[in-house]
Amino acid sequence: MKAKYIRDNGVDDLTQDSIYPVTATENGCLEIIDDTGIKCWFVSEKFEIVDTVVESVVHKYKSRSKVGIDKYGTTLDRDDLSVLEWLNHFQEEMLDGVLYIEKAMQEIRKQQ
């Protein structure tokens, strides 16, 4: 299991946004080995259990959003496109995705 510290009112702590391996203990605490290798115990209510796969995808979404904002000067909250135009953008992205899959499959076949 992994967890990250829940900040109270924006107060910084040593863990910041780090995600740590944790083990639940019988007394309701979390056993954590921090960045320095020191084993610590914390009250579990101060930590949020984290799915690192979900965290990775969320990070990628945020990064892509920043790229889009920098490139187009707007967010997906824009209202100047019709539903059909949004669907056209989606279709173009999916077609690109199929091309990337085909390329990767060709490379795998070459290596086998």
C-alpha atoms as a PDB file:
ATOM      1  CA  MET A   1       0.000   0.000   0.000  1.00  0.00           C
ATOM      2  CA  LYS A   2       1.092   3.574  -0.525  1.00  0.00           C
ATOM      3  CA  ALA A   3      -0.081   6.790   1.108  1.00  0.00           C
ATOM      4  CA  LYS A   4       0.562  10.517   1.122  1.00  0.00           C
ATOM      5  CA  TYR A   5       0.224  13.043   3.919  1.00  0.00           C
ATOM      6  CA  ILE A   6      -2.986  15.093   4.029  1.00  0.00           C
ATOM      7  CA  ARG A   7      -2.102  18.737   4.567  1.00  0.00           C
ATOM      8  CA  ASP A   8      -4.089  20.731   7.102  1.00  0.00           C
ATOM      9  CA  ASN A   9      -4.827  24.283   5.926  1.00  0.00           C
ATOM     10  CA  GLY A  10      -1.842  24.301   3.597  1.00  0.00           C
ATOM     11  CA  VAL A  11       0.698  23.821   6.391  1.00  0.00           C
ATOM     12  CA  ASP A  12       3.851  22.297   4.977  1.00  0.00           C
ATOM     13  CA  ASP A  13       5.384  19.230   6.482  1.00  0.00           C
ATOM     14  CA  LEU A  14       8.412  17.137   5.640  1.00  0.00           C
ATOM     15  CA  THR A  15       6.463  14.722   3.445  1.00  0.00           C
ATOM     16  CA  GLN A  16       5.035  17.403   1.141  1.00  0.00           C
ATOM     17  CA  ASP A  17       3.377  15.537  -1.753  1.00  0.00           C
ATOM     18  CA  SER A  18       5.571  12.469  -1.495  1.00  0.00           C
ATOM     19  CA  ILE A  19       3.998   9.057  -1.700  1.00  0.00           C
ATOM     20  CA  TYR A  20       5.330   6.486   0.752  1.00  0.00           C
ATOM     21  CA  PRO A  21       5.038   2.723   1.125  1.00  0.00           C
ATOM     22  CA  VAL A  22       2.887   2.083   4.199  1.00  0.00           C
ATOM     23  CA  THR A  23       1.796  -0.828   6.349  1.00  0.00           C
ATOM     24  CA  ALA A  24      -1.274  -0.609   8.561  1.00  0.00           C
ATOM     25  CA  THR A  25      -0.601  -1.577  12.177  1.00  0.00           C
ATOM     26  CA  GLU A  26      -3.001  -3.127  14.660  1.00  0.00           C
ATOM     27  CA  ASN A  27      -3.364   0.104  16.644  1.00  0.00           C
ATOM     28  CA  GLY A  28      -4.748   2.113  13.683  1.00  0.00           C
ATOM     29  CA  CYS A  29      -1.455   3.747  12.784  1.00  0.00           C
ATOM     30  CA  LEU A  30       0.507   3.578   9.559  1.00  0.00           C
ATOM     31  CA  GLU A  31       4.089   2.379   9.539  1.00  0.00           C
ATOM     32  CA  ILE A  32       6.065   4.408   7.013  1.00  0.00           C
ATOM     33  CA  ILE A  33       9.691   4.316   5.940  1.00  0.00           C
ATOM     34  CA  ASP A  34      10.524   7.879   4.895  1.00  0.00           C
ATOM     35  CA  ASP A  35      13.034   9.155   2.319  1.00  0.00           C
ATOM     36  CA  THR A  36      15.894   8.798   4.789  1.00  0.00           C
ATOM     37  CA  GLY A  37      15.082   5.152   5.512  1.00  0.00           C
ATOM     38  CA  ILE A  38      13.797   5.887   9.019  1.00  0.00           C
ATOM     39  CA  LYS A  39      10.730   3.931  10.104  1.00  0.00           C
ATOM     40  CA  CYS A  40       7.974   6.164  11.498  1.00  0.00           C
ATOM     41  CA  TRP A  41       4.426   5.646  12.758  1.00  0.00           C
ATOM     42  CA  PHE A  42       1.619   8.066  12.045  1.00  0.00           C
ATOM     43  CA  VAL A  43      -2.074   8.294  12.813  1.00  0.00           C
ATOM     44  CA  SER A  44      -3.767   6.926   9.712  1.00  0.00           C
ATOM     45  CA  GLU A  45      -6.310   9.790   9.558  1.00  0.00           C
ATOM     46  CA  LYS A  46      -3.455  12.107   8.524  1.00  0.00           C
ATOM     47  CA  PHE A  47      -2.752  10.056   5.398  1.00  0.00           C
ATOM     48  CA  GLU A  48      -4.612   9.267   2.226  1.00  0.00           C
ATOM     49  CA  ILE A  49      -4.158   5.811   0.728  1.00  0.00           C
ATOM     50  CA  VAL A  50      -2.970   6.317  -2.844  1.00  0.00           C
ATOM     51  CA  ASP A  51      -3.395   4.234  -5.966  1.00  0.00           C
ATOM     52  CA  THR A  52      -0.108   5.040  -7.710  1.00  0.00           C
ATOM     53  CA  VAL A  53      -1.496   4.034 -11.111  1.00  0.00           C
ATOM     54  CA  VAL A  54      -4.317   6.562 -10.760  1.00  0.00           C
ATOM     55  CA  GLU A  55      -1.854   9.189  -9.480  1.00  0.00           C
ATOM     56  CA  SER A  56       0.297   8.623 -12.566  1.00  0.00           C
ATOM     57  CA  VAL A  57      -2.649   9.104 -14.931  1.00  0.00           C
ATOM     58  CA  VAL A  58      -3.836  12.220 -13.083  1.00  0.00           C
ATOM     59  CA  HIS A  59      -0.317  13.665 -13.367  1.00  0.00           C
ATOM     60  CA  LYS A  60      -0.321  12.961 -17.117  1.00  0.00           C
ATOM     61  CA  TYR A  61      -3.741  14.621 -17.538  1.00  0.00           C
ATOM     62  CA  LYS A  62      -2.514  17.723 -15.725  1.00  0.00           C
ATOM     63  CA  SER A  63       0.646  17.835 -17.850  1.00  0.00           C
ATOM     64  CA  ARG A  64      -1.360  17.466 -21.071  1.00  0.00           C
ATOM     65  CA  SER A  65      -3.733  20.188 -19.917  1.00  0.00           C
ATOM     66  CA  LYS A  66      -0.817  22.575 -19.409  1.00  0.00           C
ATOM     67  CA  VAL A  67       0.541  21.755 -22.881  1.00  0.00           C
ATOM     68  CA  GLY A  68      -2.889  22.472 -24.391  1.00  0.00           C
ATOM     69  CA  ILE A  69      -3.304  25.731 -22.500  1.00  0.00           C
ATOM     70  CA  ASP A  70       0.180  26.869 -23.536  1.00  0.00           C
ATOM     71  CA  LYS A  71      -0.369  25.837 -27.164  1.00  0.00           C
ATOM     72  CA  TYR A  72      -3.972  27.007 -27.695  1.00  0.00           C
ATOM     73  CA  GLY A  73      -4.365  29.656 -24.993  1.00  0.00           C
ATOM     74  CA  THR A  74      -7.583  28.101 -23.699  1.00  0.00           C
ATOM     75  CA  THR A  75      -8.945  25.163 -21.723  1.00  0.00           C
ATOM     76  CA  LEU A  76     -11.574  22.553 -22.493  1.00  0.00           C
ATOM     77  CA  ASP A  77     -14.046  24.915 -20.814  1.00  0.00           C
ATOM     78  CA  ARG A  78     -14.182  26.820 -24.106  1.00  0.00           C
ATOM     79  CA  ASP A  79     -17.622  27.083 -25.679  1.00  0.00           C
ATOM     80  CA  ASP A  80     -16.804  28.018 -29.266  1.00  0.00           C
ATOM     81  CA  LEU A  81     -17.044  24.462 -30.652  1.00  0.00           C
ATOM     82  CA  SER A  82     -20.175  22.481 -31.412  1.00  0.00           C
ATOM     83  CA  VAL A  83     -20.677  18.944 -30.154  1.00  0.00           C
ATOM     84  CA  LEU A  84     -19.972  17.708 -33.679  1.00  0.00           C
ATOM     85  CA  GLU A  85     -16.657  19.613 -33.725  1.00  0.00           C
ATOM     86  CA  TRP A  86     -15.700  18.098 -30.340  1.00  0.00           C
ATOM     87  CA  LEU A  87     -16.529  14.630 -31.689  1.00  0.00           C
ATOM     88  CA  ASN A  88     -14.421  15.327 -34.785  1.00  0.00           C
ATOM     89  CA  HIS A  89     -11.447  16.238 -32.552  1.00  0.00           C
ATOM     90  CA  PHE A  90     -12.006  13.037 -30.580  1.00  0.00           C
ATOM     91  CA  GLN A  91     -12.165  10.945 -33.759  1.00  0.00           C
ATOM     92  CA  GLU A  92      -8.907  12.449 -35.043  1.00  0.00           C
ATOM     93  CA  GLU A  93      -7.179  11.661 -31.723  1.00  0.00           C
ATOM     94  CA  MET A  94      -8.433   8.067 -31.797  1.00  0.00           C
ATOM     95  CA  LEU A  95      -7.233   7.635 -35.393  1.00  0.00           C
ATOM     96  CA  ASP A  96      -3.802   8.882 -34.315  1.00  0.00           C
ATOM     97  CA  GLY A  97      -3.890   6.393 -31.442  1.00  0.00           C
ATOM     98  CA  VAL A  98      -4.567   3.505 -33.822  1.00  0.00           C
ATOM     99  CA  LEU A  99      -1.553   4.579 -35.905  1.00  0.00           C
ATOM    100  CA  TYR A 100       0.679   4.579 -32.807  1.00  0.00           C
ATOM    101  CA  ILE A 101      -0.564   1.101 -31.858  1.00  0.00           C
ATOM    102  CA  GLU A 102       0.127  -0.200 -35.374  1.00  0.00           C
ATOM    103  CA  LYS A 103       3.651   1.252 -35.337  1.00  0.00           C
ATOM    104  CA  ALA A 104       4.393  -0.305 -31.941  1.00  0.00           C
ATOM    105  CA  MET A 105       3.046  -3.672 -33.115  1.00  0.00           C
ATOM    106  CA  GLN A 106       5.271  -3.539 -36.213  1.00  0.00           C
ATOM    107  CA  GLU A 107       8.302  -2.808 -34.029  1.00  0.00           C
ATOM    108  CA  ILE A 108       7.479  -5.734 -31.727  1.00  0.00           C
ATOM    109  CA  ARG A 109       7.121  -8.052 -34.736  1.00  0.00           C
ATOM    110  CA  LYS A 110      10.539  -6.930 -36.034  1.00  0.00           C
ATOM    111  CA  GLN A 111      12.136  -7.802 -32.689  1.00  0.00           C
ATOM    112  CA  GLN A 112      10.595 -11.276 -32.549  1.00  0.00           C
END
